[in-house]
Amino acid sequence: MLKENEKMSIKKLLIWTFSILFVLSFVLVIHIYLVTRHPTNNQVMSQLSRIDFKQTIDSAEANKIRSFVGHLEGIESTYFNVKDGILVYTYAVGKQTSINVYNQLINYGHYNAERYIVDASALKTGCPMMADKKSFTYQISYYISKLFN
């Protein structure tokens, strides 16, 4: 037979476990809603793009690149991974294009870099999690997104 203290410990453990599961489930539902909703007419669609540098870029040069790209019209945010030589930025669709950003950056610093272009098979699936339509995560995401559409 369990002692009273052991019963309370098990009860507390169960309460904490279910509380954490509830919070994580809630966060998952909100995330799926935010990434699957369609923008309204006054919302600006954002696009994420990447430029891979084929030369070594130090942190000072990375800051110059981030500053230059960050001040271009339509750019919303920039991040430079110095270790891997990768610039990632978001821009407003319709105000900017990845080709324009790349061309302006190359003209600015004559860098040895190339745009990262997603291959056709990755474009078909979009989110990597959604690639396997028989997966558990795809099924949950599909049904949750249908609740909001």
N, C-alpha and C. Protein backbone atom coordinates (compact mmCIF):
# COMPACT_ATOMS: atom_id res chain seq x y z
N MET A 1 0.84 -1.18 0.00
CA MET A 1 0.00 0.00 0.00
C MET A 1 0.89 1.25 0.00
N LEU A 2 0.51 2.25 -0.74
CA LEU A 2 1.28 3.49 -0.81
C LEU A 2 1.01 4.36 0.41
N LYS A 3 2.05 4.97 0.86
CA LYS A 3 1.91 5.91 1.98
C LYS A 3 1.30 7.20 1.47
N GLU A 4 0.82 8.00 2.38
CA GLU A 4 0.17 9.28 2.03
C GLU A 4 1.15 10.20 1.28
N ASN A 5 2.41 10.26 1.69
CA ASN A 5 3.41 11.10 1.03
C ASN A 5 3.67 10.63 -0.40
N GLU A 6 3.71 9.32 -0.59
CA GLU A 6 3.93 8.78 -1.93
C GLU A 6 2.75 9.09 -2.85
N LYS A 7 1.54 9.03 -2.31
CA LYS A 7 0.35 9.37 -3.09
C LYS A 7 0.38 10.82 -3.53
N MET A 8 0.79 11.71 -2.62
CA MET A 8 0.87 13.13 -2.95
C MET A 8 1.94 13.38 -4.01
N SER A 9 3.06 12.67 -3.92
CA SER A 9 4.14 12.83 -4.89
C SER A 9 3.69 12.39 -6.28
N ILE A 10 3.00 11.27 -6.33
CA ILE A 10 2.50 10.77 -7.61
C ILE A 10 1.46 11.73 -8.17
N LYS A 11 0.60 12.24 -7.31
CA LYS A 11 -0.42 13.20 -7.73
C LYS A 11 0.22 14.47 -8.30
N LYS A 12 1.24 14.99 -7.61
CA LYS A 12 1.93 16.19 -8.09
C LYS A 12 2.62 15.92 -9.43
N LEU A 13 3.25 14.76 -9.55
CA LEU A 13 3.92 14.40 -10.80
C LEU A 13 2.92 14.34 -11.95
N LEU A 14 1.77 13.75 -11.72
CA LEU A 14 0.75 13.66 -12.77
C LEU A 14 0.21 15.04 -13.14
N ILE A 15 -0.01 15.88 -12.15
CA ILE A 15 -0.49 17.24 -12.42
C ILE A 15 0.53 18.01 -13.25
N TRP A 16 1.79 17.94 -12.87
CA TRP A 16 2.83 18.63 -13.64
C TRP A 16 2.95 18.07 -15.05
N THR A 17 2.90 16.76 -15.19
CA THR A 17 3.02 16.14 -16.51
C THR A 17 1.89 16.58 -17.42
N PHE A 18 0.66 16.52 -16.94
CA PHE A 18 -0.47 16.92 -17.78
C PHE A 18 -0.48 18.43 -18.04
N SER A 19 -0.02 19.21 -17.10
CA SER A 19 0.08 20.66 -17.31
C SER A 19 1.07 20.98 -18.41
N ILE A 20 2.22 20.34 -18.37
CA ILE A 20 3.23 20.57 -19.40
C ILE A 20 2.73 20.10 -20.76
N LEU A 21 2.10 18.95 -20.82
CA LEU A 21 1.54 18.45 -22.08
C LEU A 21 0.48 19.40 -22.64
N PHE A 22 -0.35 19.95 -21.76
CA PHE A 22 -1.37 20.89 -22.19
C PHE A 22 -0.73 22.15 -22.79
N VAL A 23 0.26 22.70 -22.11
CA VAL A 23 0.94 23.91 -22.60
C VAL A 23 1.62 23.64 -23.93
N LEU A 24 2.33 22.52 -24.05
CA LEU A 24 3.00 22.19 -25.31
C LEU A 24 2.00 21.98 -26.45
N SER A 25 0.88 21.35 -26.14
CA SER A 25 -0.16 21.16 -27.17
C SER A 25 -0.74 22.50 -27.60
N PHE A 26 -0.96 23.38 -26.65
CA PHE A 26 -1.48 24.71 -26.96
C PHE A 26 -0.50 25.48 -27.86
N VAL A 27 0.78 25.42 -27.53
CA VAL A 27 1.80 26.09 -28.34
C VAL A 27 1.83 25.51 -29.75
N LEU A 28 1.71 24.20 -29.87
CA LEU A 28 1.68 23.56 -31.19
C LEU A 28 0.49 24.04 -32.01
N VAL A 29 -0.67 24.11 -31.40
CA VAL A 29 -1.87 24.56 -32.12
C VAL A 29 -1.70 26.01 -32.58
N ILE A 30 -1.19 26.87 -31.73
CA ILE A 30 -0.97 28.27 -32.11
C ILE A 30 0.05 28.36 -33.24
N HIS A 31 1.13 27.59 -33.15
CA HIS A 31 2.15 27.61 -34.21
C HIS A 31 1.55 27.18 -35.55
N ILE A 32 0.80 26.11 -35.55
CA ILE A 32 0.19 25.63 -36.80
C ILE A 32 -0.77 26.68 -37.35
N TYR A 33 -1.53 27.30 -36.49
CA TYR A 33 -2.45 28.36 -36.94
C TYR A 33 -1.68 29.50 -37.59
N LEU A 34 -0.59 29.94 -36.97
CA LEU A 34 0.15 31.08 -37.48
C LEU A 34 0.85 30.79 -38.81
N VAL A 35 1.35 29.57 -38.99
CA VAL A 35 2.06 29.28 -40.23
C VAL A 35 1.16 28.83 -41.36
N THR A 36 -0.09 28.49 -41.07
CA THR A 36 -0.98 28.05 -42.14
C THR A 36 -2.05 29.06 -42.51
N ARG A 37 -2.18 30.13 -41.76
CA ARG A 37 -3.23 31.11 -42.09
C ARG A 37 -2.83 31.89 -43.33
N HIS A 38 -3.82 32.33 -44.03
CA HIS A 38 -3.60 33.10 -45.25
C HIS A 38 -3.61 34.59 -44.89
N PRO A 39 -2.69 35.36 -45.48
CA PRO A 39 -2.65 36.78 -45.13
C PRO A 39 -3.87 37.52 -45.66
N THR A 40 -4.27 38.54 -44.91
CA THR A 40 -5.36 39.38 -45.37
C THR A 40 -4.81 40.40 -46.37
N ASN A 41 -5.68 41.20 -46.94
CA ASN A 41 -5.25 42.15 -47.97
C ASN A 41 -4.23 43.16 -47.49
N ASN A 42 -4.30 43.56 -46.23
CA ASN A 42 -3.37 44.59 -45.76
C ASN A 42 -2.09 44.02 -45.15
N GLN A 43 -1.97 42.69 -45.08
CA GLN A 43 -0.75 42.09 -44.56
C GLN A 43 0.27 41.92 -45.67
N VAL A 44 1.53 42.12 -45.33
CA VAL A 44 2.61 41.95 -46.29
C VAL A 44 3.20 40.56 -46.11
N MET A 45 3.33 39.85 -47.20
CA MET A 45 3.95 38.53 -47.15
C MET A 45 5.45 38.71 -47.06
N SER A 46 6.08 37.91 -46.23
CA SER A 46 7.53 37.95 -46.08
C SER A 46 8.13 36.69 -46.67
N GLN A 47 9.33 36.83 -47.19
CA GLN A 47 10.05 35.70 -47.77
C GLN A 47 11.42 35.62 -47.09
N LEU A 48 11.88 34.42 -46.85
CA LEU A 48 13.18 34.17 -46.26
C LEU A 48 14.13 33.75 -47.37
N SER A 49 15.31 34.35 -47.44
CA SER A 49 16.29 34.01 -48.45
C SER A 49 17.67 33.89 -47.83
N ARG A 50 18.58 33.33 -48.61
CA ARG A 50 19.91 33.04 -48.09
C ARG A 50 20.95 33.24 -49.17
N ILE A 51 22.12 33.74 -48.75
CA ILE A 51 23.27 33.87 -49.64
C ILE A 51 24.43 33.15 -48.97
N ASP A 52 25.07 32.23 -49.71
CA ASP A 52 26.22 31.47 -49.21
C ASP A 52 27.50 32.09 -49.75
N PHE A 53 28.41 32.42 -48.85
CA PHE A 53 29.68 33.02 -49.23
C PHE A 53 30.72 31.93 -49.40
N LYS A 54 31.45 31.98 -50.51
CA LYS A 54 32.48 30.99 -50.83
C LYS A 54 33.86 31.45 -50.38
N GLN A 55 33.91 32.56 -49.70
CA GLN A 55 35.16 33.10 -49.17
C GLN A 55 35.00 33.30 -47.67
N THR A 56 36.10 33.40 -46.97
CA THR A 56 36.03 33.61 -45.53
C THR A 56 35.61 35.05 -45.25
N ILE A 57 34.63 35.19 -44.38
CA ILE A 57 34.13 36.51 -43.98
C ILE A 57 34.32 36.62 -42.47
N ASP A 58 35.06 37.65 -42.05
CA ASP A 58 35.24 37.85 -40.60
C ASP A 58 34.03 38.61 -40.04
N SER A 59 33.98 38.73 -38.72
CA SER A 59 32.80 39.34 -38.09
C SER A 59 32.64 40.81 -38.45
N ALA A 60 33.74 41.53 -38.65
CA ALA A 60 33.64 42.94 -39.03
C ALA A 60 33.02 43.08 -40.42
N GLU A 61 33.46 42.23 -41.35
CA GLU A 61 32.91 42.27 -42.71
C GLU A 61 31.45 41.79 -42.70
N ALA A 62 31.15 40.81 -41.86
CA ALA A 62 29.78 40.31 -41.74
C ALA A 62 28.85 41.43 -41.26
N ASN A 63 29.32 42.24 -40.33
CA ASN A 63 28.50 43.37 -39.86
C ASN A 63 28.27 44.39 -40.97
N LYS A 64 29.29 44.63 -41.81
CA LYS A 64 29.12 45.54 -42.95
C LYS A 64 28.07 45.00 -43.92
N ILE A 65 28.15 43.70 -44.18
CA ILE A 65 27.20 43.07 -45.10
C ILE A 65 25.79 43.14 -44.54
N ARG A 66 25.63 42.80 -43.26
CA ARG A 66 24.32 42.87 -42.61
C ARG A 66 23.76 44.29 -42.66
N SER A 67 24.62 45.27 -42.40
CA SER A 67 24.17 46.66 -42.41
C SER A 67 23.74 47.08 -43.81
N PHE A 68 24.54 46.71 -44.81
CA PHE A 68 24.21 47.08 -46.18
C PHE A 68 22.88 46.46 -46.60
N VAL A 69 22.74 45.16 -46.39
CA VAL A 69 21.51 44.48 -46.79
C VAL A 69 20.33 44.97 -45.95
N GLY A 70 20.56 45.19 -44.67
CA GLY A 70 19.49 45.64 -43.78
C GLY A 70 18.91 46.99 -44.15
N HIS A 71 19.71 47.82 -44.83
CA HIS A 71 19.23 49.14 -45.22
C HIS A 71 18.59 49.18 -46.61
N LEU A 72 18.55 48.06 -47.31
CA LEU A 72 17.88 48.02 -48.60
C LEU A 72 16.37 48.09 -48.38
N GLU A 73 15.67 48.68 -49.32
CA GLU A 73 14.22 48.81 -49.21
C GLU A 73 13.57 47.44 -49.16
N GLY A 74 12.63 47.26 -48.24
CA GLY A 74 11.87 46.03 -48.15
C GLY A 74 12.50 44.95 -47.29
N ILE A 75 13.73 45.15 -46.84
CA ILE A 75 14.39 44.16 -45.98
C ILE A 75 13.86 44.31 -44.56
N GLU A 76 13.43 43.20 -43.97
CA GLU A 76 12.86 43.24 -42.64
C GLU A 76 13.85 42.83 -41.56
N SER A 77 14.70 41.85 -41.83
CA SER A 77 15.70 41.43 -40.85
C SER A 77 16.84 40.71 -41.56
N THR A 78 18.00 40.69 -40.89
CA THR A 78 19.17 40.01 -41.44
C THR A 78 19.88 39.25 -40.33
N TYR A 79 20.53 38.16 -40.70
CA TYR A 79 21.35 37.40 -39.77
C TYR A 79 22.52 36.84 -40.56
N PHE A 80 23.72 36.98 -40.03
CA PHE A 80 24.91 36.44 -40.70
C PHE A 80 25.54 35.40 -39.80
N ASN A 81 25.64 34.17 -40.29
CA ASN A 81 26.32 33.09 -39.59
C ASN A 81 27.77 33.13 -40.06
N VAL A 82 28.64 33.73 -39.26
CA VAL A 82 30.04 33.92 -39.64
C VAL A 82 30.75 32.58 -39.81
N LYS A 83 30.48 31.66 -38.89
CA LYS A 83 31.16 30.36 -38.93
C LYS A 83 30.93 29.63 -40.26
N ASP A 84 29.70 29.67 -40.76
CA ASP A 84 29.37 28.97 -42.00
C ASP A 84 29.37 29.87 -43.23
N GLY A 85 29.53 31.19 -43.04
CA GLY A 85 29.54 32.11 -44.17
C GLY A 85 28.20 32.21 -44.86
N ILE A 86 27.13 32.31 -44.07
CA ILE A 86 25.77 32.33 -44.63
C ILE A 86 25.03 33.58 -44.14
N LEU A 87 24.48 34.32 -45.09
CA LEU A 87 23.61 35.46 -44.78
C LEU A 87 22.18 35.01 -45.00
N VAL A 88 21.34 35.21 -43.97
CA VAL A 88 19.91 34.90 -44.07
C VAL A 88 19.17 36.21 -43.84
N TYR A 89 18.18 36.49 -44.67
CA TYR A 89 17.42 37.74 -44.53
C TYR A 89 15.98 37.51 -44.93
N THR A 90 15.11 38.35 -44.38
CA THR A 90 13.70 38.33 -44.79
C THR A 90 13.39 39.64 -45.49
N TYR A 91 12.51 39.55 -46.46
CA TYR A 91 12.12 40.75 -47.20
C TYR A 91 10.64 40.69 -47.52
N ALA A 92 10.08 41.86 -47.74
CA ALA A 92 8.66 41.97 -48.07
C ALA A 92 8.48 41.67 -49.56
N VAL A 93 7.66 40.67 -49.84
CA VAL A 93 7.37 40.30 -51.23
C VAL A 93 6.65 41.46 -51.89
N GLY A 94 7.09 41.83 -53.06
CA GLY A 94 6.50 42.96 -53.78
C GLY A 94 7.33 44.22 -53.62
N LYS A 95 8.10 44.32 -52.54
CA LYS A 95 8.98 45.47 -52.34
C LYS A 95 10.43 45.13 -52.67
N GLN A 96 10.75 43.85 -52.62
CA GLN A 96 12.13 43.42 -52.82
C GLN A 96 12.12 42.01 -53.41
N THR A 97 13.24 41.64 -54.04
CA THR A 97 13.42 40.27 -54.54
C THR A 97 14.79 39.77 -54.11
N SER A 98 14.93 38.47 -54.04
CA SER A 98 16.22 37.90 -53.65
C SER A 98 17.29 38.15 -54.71
N ILE A 99 16.89 38.17 -55.96
CA ILE A 99 17.85 38.44 -57.04
C ILE A 99 18.39 39.86 -56.93
N ASN A 100 17.50 40.81 -56.65
CA ASN A 100 17.92 42.20 -56.51
C ASN A 100 18.88 42.37 -55.32
N VAL A 101 18.55 41.75 -54.20
CA VAL A 101 19.42 41.84 -53.02
C VAL A 101 20.79 41.25 -53.33
N TYR A 102 20.81 40.08 -53.96
CA TYR A 102 22.07 39.43 -54.32
C TYR A 102 22.90 40.32 -55.25
N ASN A 103 22.27 40.84 -56.31
CA ASN A 103 23.01 41.67 -57.27
C ASN A 103 23.57 42.93 -56.61
N GLN A 104 22.77 43.58 -55.76
CA GLN A 104 23.25 44.79 -55.09
C GLN A 104 24.40 44.47 -54.14
N LEU A 105 24.31 43.34 -53.45
CA LEU A 105 25.38 42.96 -52.52
C LEU A 105 26.67 42.64 -53.27
N ILE A 106 26.59 41.92 -54.36
CA ILE A 106 27.78 41.58 -55.15
C ILE A 106 28.40 42.85 -55.73
N ASN A 107 27.59 43.78 -56.21
CA ASN A 107 28.12 45.05 -56.72
C ASN A 107 28.74 45.89 -55.61
N TYR A 108 28.20 45.79 -54.41
CA TYR A 108 28.71 46.55 -53.26
C TYR A 108 30.09 46.08 -52.85
N GLY A 109 30.30 44.76 -52.78
CA GLY A 109 31.57 44.27 -52.25
C GLY A 109 32.31 43.31 -53.13
N HIS A 110 31.80 42.99 -54.30
CA HIS A 110 32.44 42.05 -55.21
C HIS A 110 32.81 40.76 -54.48
N TYR A 111 31.83 40.18 -53.79
CA TYR A 111 32.06 38.98 -53.00
C TYR A 111 31.96 37.74 -53.86
N ASN A 112 32.61 36.68 -53.41
CA ASN A 112 32.48 35.37 -54.03
C ASN A 112 31.35 34.66 -53.26
N ALA A 113 30.15 34.77 -53.79
CA ALA A 113 28.98 34.23 -53.10
C ALA A 113 27.96 33.78 -54.13
N GLU A 114 27.02 32.99 -53.66
CA GLU A 114 25.92 32.58 -54.54
C GLU A 114 24.63 32.49 -53.75
N ARG A 115 23.54 32.73 -54.46
CA ARG A 115 22.22 32.61 -53.84
C ARG A 115 21.93 31.15 -53.57
N TYR A 116 21.33 30.89 -52.43
CA TYR A 116 20.87 29.53 -52.15
C TYR A 116 19.51 29.38 -52.80
N ILE A 117 19.40 28.39 -53.68
CA ILE A 117 18.14 28.15 -54.38
C ILE A 117 17.65 26.76 -54.00
N VAL A 118 16.44 26.69 -53.52
CA VAL A 118 15.85 25.43 -53.09
C VAL A 118 15.56 24.57 -54.30
N ASP A 119 15.89 23.28 -54.22
CA ASP A 119 15.63 22.39 -55.35
C ASP A 119 14.13 22.10 -55.49
N ALA A 120 13.76 21.58 -56.65
CA ALA A 120 12.35 21.40 -56.99
C ALA A 120 11.63 20.46 -56.03
N SER A 121 12.29 19.41 -55.58
CA SER A 121 11.60 18.47 -54.68
C SER A 121 11.29 19.11 -53.34
N ALA A 122 12.16 19.97 -52.84
CA ALA A 122 11.90 20.66 -51.58
C ALA A 122 10.79 21.70 -51.74
N LEU A 123 10.72 22.32 -52.92
CA LEU A 123 9.66 23.30 -53.17
C LEU A 123 8.27 22.65 -53.13
N LYS A 124 8.17 21.42 -53.58
CA LYS A 124 6.88 20.73 -53.59
C LYS A 124 6.34 20.50 -52.19
N THR A 125 7.23 20.22 -51.25
CA THR A 125 6.77 19.88 -49.91
C THR A 125 6.63 21.10 -49.02
N GLY A 126 7.36 22.18 -49.30
CA GLY A 126 7.32 23.37 -48.45
C GLY A 126 8.02 23.10 -47.15
N CYS A 127 7.28 22.99 -46.08
CA CYS A 127 7.83 22.71 -44.76
C CYS A 127 8.36 21.28 -44.74
N PRO A 128 9.59 21.06 -44.26
CA PRO A 128 10.14 19.70 -44.23
C PRO A 128 9.28 18.72 -43.44
N MET A 129 8.61 19.21 -42.43
CA MET A 129 7.76 18.36 -41.62
C MET A 129 6.57 17.84 -42.44
N MET A 130 6.19 18.57 -43.46
CA MET A 130 5.01 18.21 -44.25
C MET A 130 5.35 17.31 -45.43
N ALA A 131 6.59 16.86 -45.55
CA ALA A 131 7.01 16.06 -46.70
C ALA A 131 6.31 14.70 -46.75
N ASP A 132 6.17 14.04 -45.62
CA ASP A 132 5.56 12.72 -45.57
C ASP A 132 4.11 12.85 -45.13
N LYS A 133 3.19 12.71 -46.08
CA LYS A 133 1.77 12.92 -45.79
C LYS A 133 1.18 11.81 -44.91
N LYS A 134 1.91 10.74 -44.70
CA LYS A 134 1.43 9.66 -43.83
C LYS A 134 1.98 9.79 -42.40
N SER A 135 2.83 10.77 -42.17
CA SER A 135 3.44 10.91 -40.84
C SER A 135 2.41 11.42 -39.82
N PHE A 136 2.66 11.11 -38.58
CA PHE A 136 1.80 11.54 -37.49
C PHE A 136 1.75 13.06 -37.39
N THR A 137 2.92 13.72 -37.52
CA THR A 137 2.96 15.18 -37.40
C THR A 137 2.20 15.85 -38.54
N TYR A 138 2.27 15.28 -39.74
CA TYR A 138 1.51 15.84 -40.86
C TYR A 138 0.01 15.73 -40.59
N GLN A 139 -0.42 14.57 -40.13
CA GLN A 139 -1.84 14.35 -39.88
C GLN A 139 -2.38 15.32 -38.82
N ILE A 140 -1.65 15.49 -37.72
CA ILE A 140 -2.07 16.43 -36.68
C ILE A 140 -2.13 17.84 -37.23
N SER A 141 -1.08 18.25 -37.93
CA SER A 141 -1.04 19.61 -38.49
C SER A 141 -2.17 19.84 -39.48
N TYR A 142 -2.44 18.85 -40.30
CA TYR A 142 -3.51 18.96 -41.30
C TYR A 142 -4.86 19.19 -40.62
N TYR A 143 -5.17 18.39 -39.62
CA TYR A 143 -6.48 18.53 -38.96
C TYR A 143 -6.58 19.80 -38.15
N ILE A 144 -5.50 20.22 -37.52
CA ILE A 144 -5.54 21.47 -36.76
C ILE A 144 -5.71 22.67 -37.71
N SER A 145 -4.98 22.65 -38.83
CA SER A 145 -5.10 23.77 -39.77
C SER A 145 -6.50 23.82 -40.38
N LYS A 146 -7.16 22.67 -40.56
CA LYS A 146 -8.52 22.66 -41.09
C LYS A 146 -9.51 23.27 -40.09
N LEU A 147 -9.21 23.22 -38.81
CA LEU A 147 -10.09 23.85 -37.81
C LEU A 147 -10.17 25.36 -37.99
N PHE A 148 -9.08 25.95 -38.49
CA PHE A 148 -9.01 27.41 -38.60
C PHE A 148 -9.34 27.93 -39.99
N ASN A 149 -9.48 27.04 -40.95
CA ASN A 149 -9.77 27.48 -42.34
C ASN A 149 -11.22 27.35 -42.67
